[in-house]
Amino acid sequence: MPTQPTDLFLLIGQSNMAGRGKLDQVAPISHDQIHMFRDGRWLKAVEPIHTDKPDIAGIGLCMSFAYEMVQRFPSMNVGLIPTAVGGTPLSRWVPGADLYENAVTICKNALSQGGKLRGILWHQGEGDSGKPETANTYAPRLLDMFTTLRKELDAHNVPIVAGELGHYLIDYPNLPYFQTVNQQLHQLETLLPQYALATAQDLTVNEDGLHIDAKGLREFGKRYFEKYLTLL
């Protein structure tokens, strides 16, 4: 049995949070102080952390984030709570919607076993980049979601770190409003306390042109960690 983690992080959003990096393209990360919550119990973390789409789930950003955490703070015992689901719009992550309620339930279950929620890691927005009406209203909808989520988890000041959508999407024809979503994500920096946004500048991408690749996700996790530090 792994040691019970004490420092918990909720992972929430769509596919680039769940992770679509190919497992054979980067060295694996393994550490006795990094755990994952699966099927109601804590296990030693092994990628893929998410199982939303088992045939394509792979490397995500959370393991390099967690590894940086235990290197910087050797007393931390990190627990990752994966709830992201690929291909999902923000409308399924707002209070009352299925994926939001599922994430809250899983997170509360994990917290009931001990430990404290130390952060929320969010990556989503591709699912709202296809239409102007969803892109232009992204910030207020996400602000409402985060405000309610903090209340429901009794985590009013817990840091929230999000990431920009990949700048490579300029070459992806089906998401013409991704830059609008990125602008909306930046708006939250002035609207939401204890929130920081990691840049997606120069991240590398899978051949599908949509998902950040394994190397890029390792880098993204480090950028999330650096932004997390600014909120402590």
Foldseek 3Di string as FASTA:
>chain_A
DADQFAEEEEQEAADQSLAQAAAPPDDWDFDSLEWEADPLDIDGDGPPRDCQPVVRGGAHLARLLVVVVCVVPVVGRYYYYYQYYHPDACVQCAPPHDSVVVSLVSVVSSPVVHHDHQEYEYEYDQNQQQDPVSLQCVQVRVQNRVCVSCVSRVNRLRAYEYEQAAPLCVPVPRRNRSVSNNVSLVVVVVVPHRYYYFYNPPFDADPVSHHGYNVSSSVSSVSSNVRNVVSD
